[in-house]
Each structure stands twice: as C-alpha cells, then as structure tokens.
Amino acid sequence: MLLQAGPLRAGELAERFPRISRPAVSKHLRVLRSSRLVRPERRGRELWYQVDPAPLTEVEQWLQQYSTFWEEKLQALKKAAEQKP
C-alpha cells in the first residue's frame, strides 16, 4: 500500500484496514521500521511512512545465487512432466 499510495501517516494506514486496531497497525509499523523496510519522516508533529526498498535489494542479491539452481530443477521437472507415460 505504501508503495502504491506513497507516504502515508499511521492513521491513514489504519483507516485502510478497518478490521485491525490502530495499536496493531502501529506495532506492525514498528516491526517494519526495525527491519528498515519502511522509513519514517517527521513532518511537524506527524510521522509519514514510506517504503525503503534498500533491504529488499539485499535479499534479492542473496536469492540471485540460487536462481540457476532452481532454474535447472524446474526445467528438469518440466521435462519429466512432459514425457509421455
């Protein structure tokens, strides 16, 4: 949601999730902040949250080392599935 809607305040996020309490939204934002996936920006008395893609880039780089392995396994699975019995 933050990626699509741009920076939002915690209250605005909470309004978009009516089945989740505001304290629960705040707790989720704390977890996202501590993992550096969102970045708060103070504007006056308010905190605005926006996505910080940098940590996901690190994850992508780590996963990239396994892409060749999985590509080979998936190709072998496809070949086995396409063989006539």
N, C-alpha and C. Protein backbone atom coordinates (compact mmCIF):
# COMPACT_ATOMS: atom_id res chain seq x y z
N MET A 1 0.83 -1.19 0.00
CA MET A 1 0.00 0.00 0.00
C MET A 1 0.87 1.25 0.00
N LEU A 2 1.92 1.24 0.81
CA LEU A 2 2.81 2.40 0.83
C LEU A 2 3.53 2.58 -0.49
N LEU A 3 3.83 1.49 -1.15
CA LEU A 3 4.50 1.59 -2.44
C LEU A 3 3.58 2.24 -3.47
N GLN A 4 2.31 1.89 -3.46
CA GLN A 4 1.37 2.42 -4.44
C GLN A 4 0.85 3.80 -4.08
N ALA A 5 0.54 4.01 -2.81
CA ALA A 5 -0.10 5.26 -2.40
C ALA A 5 0.89 6.35 -2.00
N GLY A 6 2.16 6.00 -1.89
CA GLY A 6 3.14 6.98 -1.47
C GLY A 6 3.17 7.11 0.04
N PRO A 7 3.87 8.08 0.56
CA PRO A 7 3.96 8.23 2.01
C PRO A 7 2.58 8.42 2.65
N LEU A 8 2.35 7.72 3.75
CA LEU A 8 1.10 7.83 4.50
C LEU A 8 1.39 7.91 5.98
N ARG A 9 0.47 8.52 6.70
CA ARG A 9 0.56 8.55 8.15
C ARG A 9 -0.01 7.25 8.72
N ALA A 10 0.36 6.92 9.94
CA ALA A 10 -0.12 5.69 10.57
C ALA A 10 -1.64 5.66 10.62
N GLY A 11 -2.26 6.78 10.92
CA GLY A 11 -3.71 6.84 10.98
C GLY A 11 -4.37 6.55 9.64
N GLU A 12 -3.76 7.05 8.57
CA GLU A 12 -4.28 6.78 7.24
C GLU A 12 -4.16 5.29 6.89
N LEU A 13 -3.06 4.70 7.30
CA LEU A 13 -2.91 3.26 7.08
C LEU A 13 -3.95 2.48 7.87
N ALA A 14 -4.15 2.87 9.12
CA ALA A 14 -5.11 2.17 9.96
C ALA A 14 -6.53 2.26 9.39
N GLU A 15 -6.87 3.40 8.81
CA GLU A 15 -8.21 3.56 8.20
C GLU A 15 -8.42 2.58 7.04
N ARG A 16 -7.36 2.21 6.38
CA ARG A 16 -7.47 1.30 5.23
C ARG A 16 -7.57 -0.17 5.66
N PHE A 17 -7.38 -0.42 6.95
CA PHE A 17 -7.51 -1.76 7.50
C PHE A 17 -8.49 -1.73 8.67
N PRO A 18 -9.79 -1.60 8.38
CA PRO A 18 -10.77 -1.40 9.46
C PRO A 18 -10.87 -2.58 10.43
N ARG A 19 -10.43 -3.75 10.05
CA ARG A 19 -10.53 -4.91 10.93
C ARG A 19 -9.31 -5.05 11.85
N ILE A 20 -8.34 -4.15 11.69
CA ILE A 20 -7.13 -4.17 12.51
C ILE A 20 -7.12 -2.91 13.38
N SER A 21 -6.81 -3.07 14.65
CA SER A 21 -6.81 -1.92 15.56
C SER A 21 -5.63 -1.00 15.25
N ARG A 22 -5.78 0.26 15.64
CA ARG A 22 -4.70 1.22 15.43
C ARG A 22 -3.42 0.81 16.17
N PRO A 23 -3.53 0.31 17.41
CA PRO A 23 -2.30 -0.16 18.07
C PRO A 23 -1.63 -1.30 17.31
N ALA A 24 -2.41 -2.17 16.69
CA ALA A 24 -1.82 -3.27 15.91
C ALA A 24 -1.10 -2.72 14.69
N VAL A 25 -1.69 -1.72 14.04
CA VAL A 25 -1.03 -1.09 12.89
C VAL A 25 0.27 -0.45 13.33
N SER A 26 0.25 0.23 14.46
CA SER A 26 1.47 0.86 14.99
C SER A 26 2.54 -0.19 15.28
N LYS A 27 2.12 -1.32 15.83
CA LYS A 27 3.07 -2.39 16.13
C LYS A 27 3.69 -2.92 14.83
N HIS A 28 2.88 -3.11 13.81
CA HIS A 28 3.40 -3.57 12.52
C HIS A 28 4.38 -2.55 11.94
N LEU A 29 4.05 -1.28 12.07
CA LEU A 29 4.96 -0.25 11.57
C LEU A 29 6.28 -0.25 12.33
N ARG A 30 6.24 -0.50 13.63
CA ARG A 30 7.48 -0.60 14.42
C ARG A 30 8.35 -1.74 13.91
N VAL A 31 7.72 -2.89 13.63
CA VAL A 31 8.47 -4.03 13.11
C VAL A 31 9.07 -3.70 11.74
N LEU A 32 8.29 -3.07 10.88
CA LEU A 32 8.79 -2.69 9.56
C LEU A 32 9.91 -1.66 9.66
N ARG A 33 9.80 -0.73 10.62
CA ARG A 33 10.88 0.24 10.84
C ARG A 33 12.14 -0.45 11.33
N SER A 34 11.99 -1.36 12.28
CA SER A 34 13.18 -2.03 12.83
C SER A 34 13.87 -2.90 11.80
N SER A 35 13.12 -3.39 10.80
CA SER A 35 13.73 -4.19 9.73
C SER A 35 14.14 -3.30 8.55
N ARG A 36 13.96 -2.00 8.70
CA ARG A 36 14.34 -1.00 7.69
C ARG A 36 13.55 -1.12 6.40
N LEU A 37 12.35 -1.70 6.44
CA LEU A 37 11.53 -1.82 5.24
C LEU A 37 10.65 -0.59 5.02
N VAL A 38 10.42 0.18 6.06
CA VAL A 38 9.76 1.48 5.91
C VAL A 38 10.62 2.53 6.61
N ARG A 39 10.50 3.74 6.12
CA ARG A 39 11.28 4.85 6.66
C ARG A 39 10.32 5.93 7.11
N PRO A 40 10.38 6.30 8.38
CA PRO A 40 9.51 7.39 8.84
C PRO A 40 10.15 8.74 8.54
N GLU A 41 9.29 9.71 8.27
CA GLU A 41 9.75 11.08 8.05
C GLU A 41 8.86 12.00 8.87
N ARG A 42 9.48 12.77 9.74
CA ARG A 42 8.71 13.68 10.58
C ARG A 42 8.38 14.94 9.79
N ARG A 43 7.08 15.25 9.77
CA ARG A 43 6.58 16.49 9.17
C ARG A 43 5.74 17.17 10.24
N GLY A 44 6.35 18.14 10.88
CA GLY A 44 5.66 18.78 12.01
C GLY A 44 5.52 17.77 13.15
N ARG A 45 4.28 17.56 13.59
CA ARG A 45 4.03 16.60 14.68
C ARG A 45 3.74 15.20 14.16
N GLU A 46 3.66 15.04 12.87
CA GLU A 46 3.25 13.76 12.30
C GLU A 46 4.41 12.98 11.73
N LEU A 47 4.29 11.65 11.76
CA LEU A 47 5.23 10.77 11.10
C LEU A 47 4.59 10.22 9.84
N TRP A 48 5.28 10.37 8.74
CA TRP A 48 4.83 9.82 7.47
C TRP A 48 5.73 8.65 7.15
N TYR A 49 5.13 7.57 6.69
CA TYR A 49 5.87 6.35 6.40
C TYR A 49 5.93 6.12 4.90
N GLN A 50 7.13 5.71 4.45
CA GLN A 50 7.29 5.36 3.05
C GLN A 50 8.15 4.10 2.96
N VAL A 51 8.01 3.39 1.86
CA VAL A 51 8.76 2.16 1.64
C VAL A 51 10.23 2.49 1.43
N ASP A 52 11.09 1.67 2.00
CA ASP A 52 12.52 1.76 1.77
C ASP A 52 12.96 0.46 1.10
N PRO A 53 13.17 0.46 -0.21
CA PRO A 53 13.46 -0.79 -0.93
C PRO A 53 14.88 -1.32 -0.73
N ALA A 54 15.76 -0.57 -0.12
CA ALA A 54 17.17 -0.99 0.01
C ALA A 54 17.33 -2.37 0.66
N PRO A 55 16.68 -2.68 1.78
CA PRO A 55 16.86 -4.01 2.36
C PRO A 55 16.36 -5.13 1.44
N LEU A 56 15.35 -4.86 0.64
CA LEU A 56 14.85 -5.88 -0.29
C LEU A 56 15.86 -6.13 -1.40
N THR A 57 16.64 -5.13 -1.76
CA THR A 57 17.69 -5.31 -2.75
C THR A 57 18.73 -6.30 -2.23
N GLU A 58 19.04 -6.20 -0.94
CA GLU A 58 19.99 -7.13 -0.33
C GLU A 58 19.45 -8.56 -0.39
N VAL A 59 18.17 -8.72 -0.12
CA VAL A 59 17.54 -10.04 -0.18
C VAL A 59 17.56 -10.56 -1.61
N GLU A 60 17.26 -9.70 -2.56
CA GLU A 60 17.27 -10.10 -3.96
C GLU A 60 18.66 -10.58 -4.38
N GLN A 61 19.69 -9.87 -3.96
CA GLN A 61 21.05 -10.28 -4.30
C GLN A 61 21.39 -11.63 -3.69
N TRP A 62 20.95 -11.86 -2.46
CA TRP A 62 21.20 -13.13 -1.79
C TRP A 62 20.49 -14.27 -2.52
N LEU A 63 19.23 -14.03 -2.93
CA LEU A 63 18.46 -15.05 -3.63
C LEU A 63 18.99 -15.33 -5.03
N GLN A 64 19.61 -14.35 -5.64
CA GLN A 64 20.11 -14.49 -7.00
C GLN A 64 21.08 -15.66 -7.12
N GLN A 65 21.83 -15.94 -6.08
CA GLN A 65 22.79 -17.03 -6.14
C GLN A 65 22.11 -18.40 -6.29
N TYR A 66 20.84 -18.48 -5.96
CA TYR A 66 20.11 -19.73 -6.06
C TYR A 66 19.27 -19.84 -7.33
N SER A 67 19.21 -18.80 -8.12
CA SER A 67 18.33 -18.80 -9.29
C SER A 67 18.74 -19.85 -10.32
N THR A 68 20.04 -20.02 -10.55
CA THR A 68 20.49 -21.04 -11.50
C THR A 68 20.09 -22.43 -11.04
N PHE A 69 20.28 -22.69 -9.77
CA PHE A 69 19.91 -23.98 -9.20
C PHE A 69 18.43 -24.27 -9.43
N TRP A 70 17.57 -23.30 -9.08
CA TRP A 70 16.14 -23.52 -9.22
C TRP A 70 15.71 -23.60 -10.67
N GLU A 71 16.35 -22.83 -11.54
CA GLU A 71 16.01 -22.89 -12.96
C GLU A 71 16.29 -24.29 -13.50
N GLU A 72 17.43 -24.86 -13.13
CA GLU A 72 17.76 -26.21 -13.58
C GLU A 72 16.75 -27.23 -13.05
N LYS A 73 16.39 -27.12 -11.79
CA LYS A 73 15.44 -28.06 -11.19
C LYS A 73 14.07 -27.93 -11.83
N LEU A 74 13.63 -26.71 -12.09
CA LEU A 74 12.33 -26.52 -12.72
C LEU A 74 12.30 -27.02 -14.16
N GLN A 75 13.40 -26.85 -14.87
CA GLN A 75 13.48 -27.37 -16.24
C GLN A 75 13.42 -28.90 -16.23
N ALA A 76 14.10 -29.54 -15.28
CA ALA A 76 14.07 -30.99 -15.17
C ALA A 76 12.66 -31.47 -14.82
N LEU A 77 11.98 -30.75 -13.95
CA LEU A 77 10.60 -31.10 -13.59
C LEU A 77 9.68 -30.96 -14.80
N LYS A 78 9.84 -29.90 -15.56
CA LYS A 78 9.03 -29.69 -16.76
C LYS A 78 9.25 -30.82 -17.76
N LYS A 79 10.51 -31.17 -17.96
CA LYS A 79 10.83 -32.25 -18.89
C LYS A 79 10.20 -33.56 -18.45
N ALA A 80 10.29 -33.86 -17.15
CA ALA A 80 9.70 -35.10 -16.62
C ALA A 80 8.18 -35.09 -16.75
N ALA A 81 7.56 -33.94 -16.55
CA ALA A 81 6.11 -33.85 -16.62
C ALA A 81 5.61 -33.97 -18.05
N GLU A 82 6.43 -33.54 -19.00
CA GLU A 82 6.01 -33.57 -20.40
C GLU A 82 6.29 -34.90 -21.09
N GLN A 83 7.05 -35.77 -20.44
CA GLN A 83 7.32 -37.08 -21.04
C GLN A 83 6.05 -37.91 -21.07
N LYS A 84 5.86 -38.61 -22.18
CA LYS A 84 4.67 -39.46 -22.31
C LYS A 84 4.88 -40.73 -21.49
N PRO A 85 3.83 -41.17 -20.78
CA PRO A 85 3.96 -42.38 -19.94
C PRO A 85 4.07 -43.65 -20.77
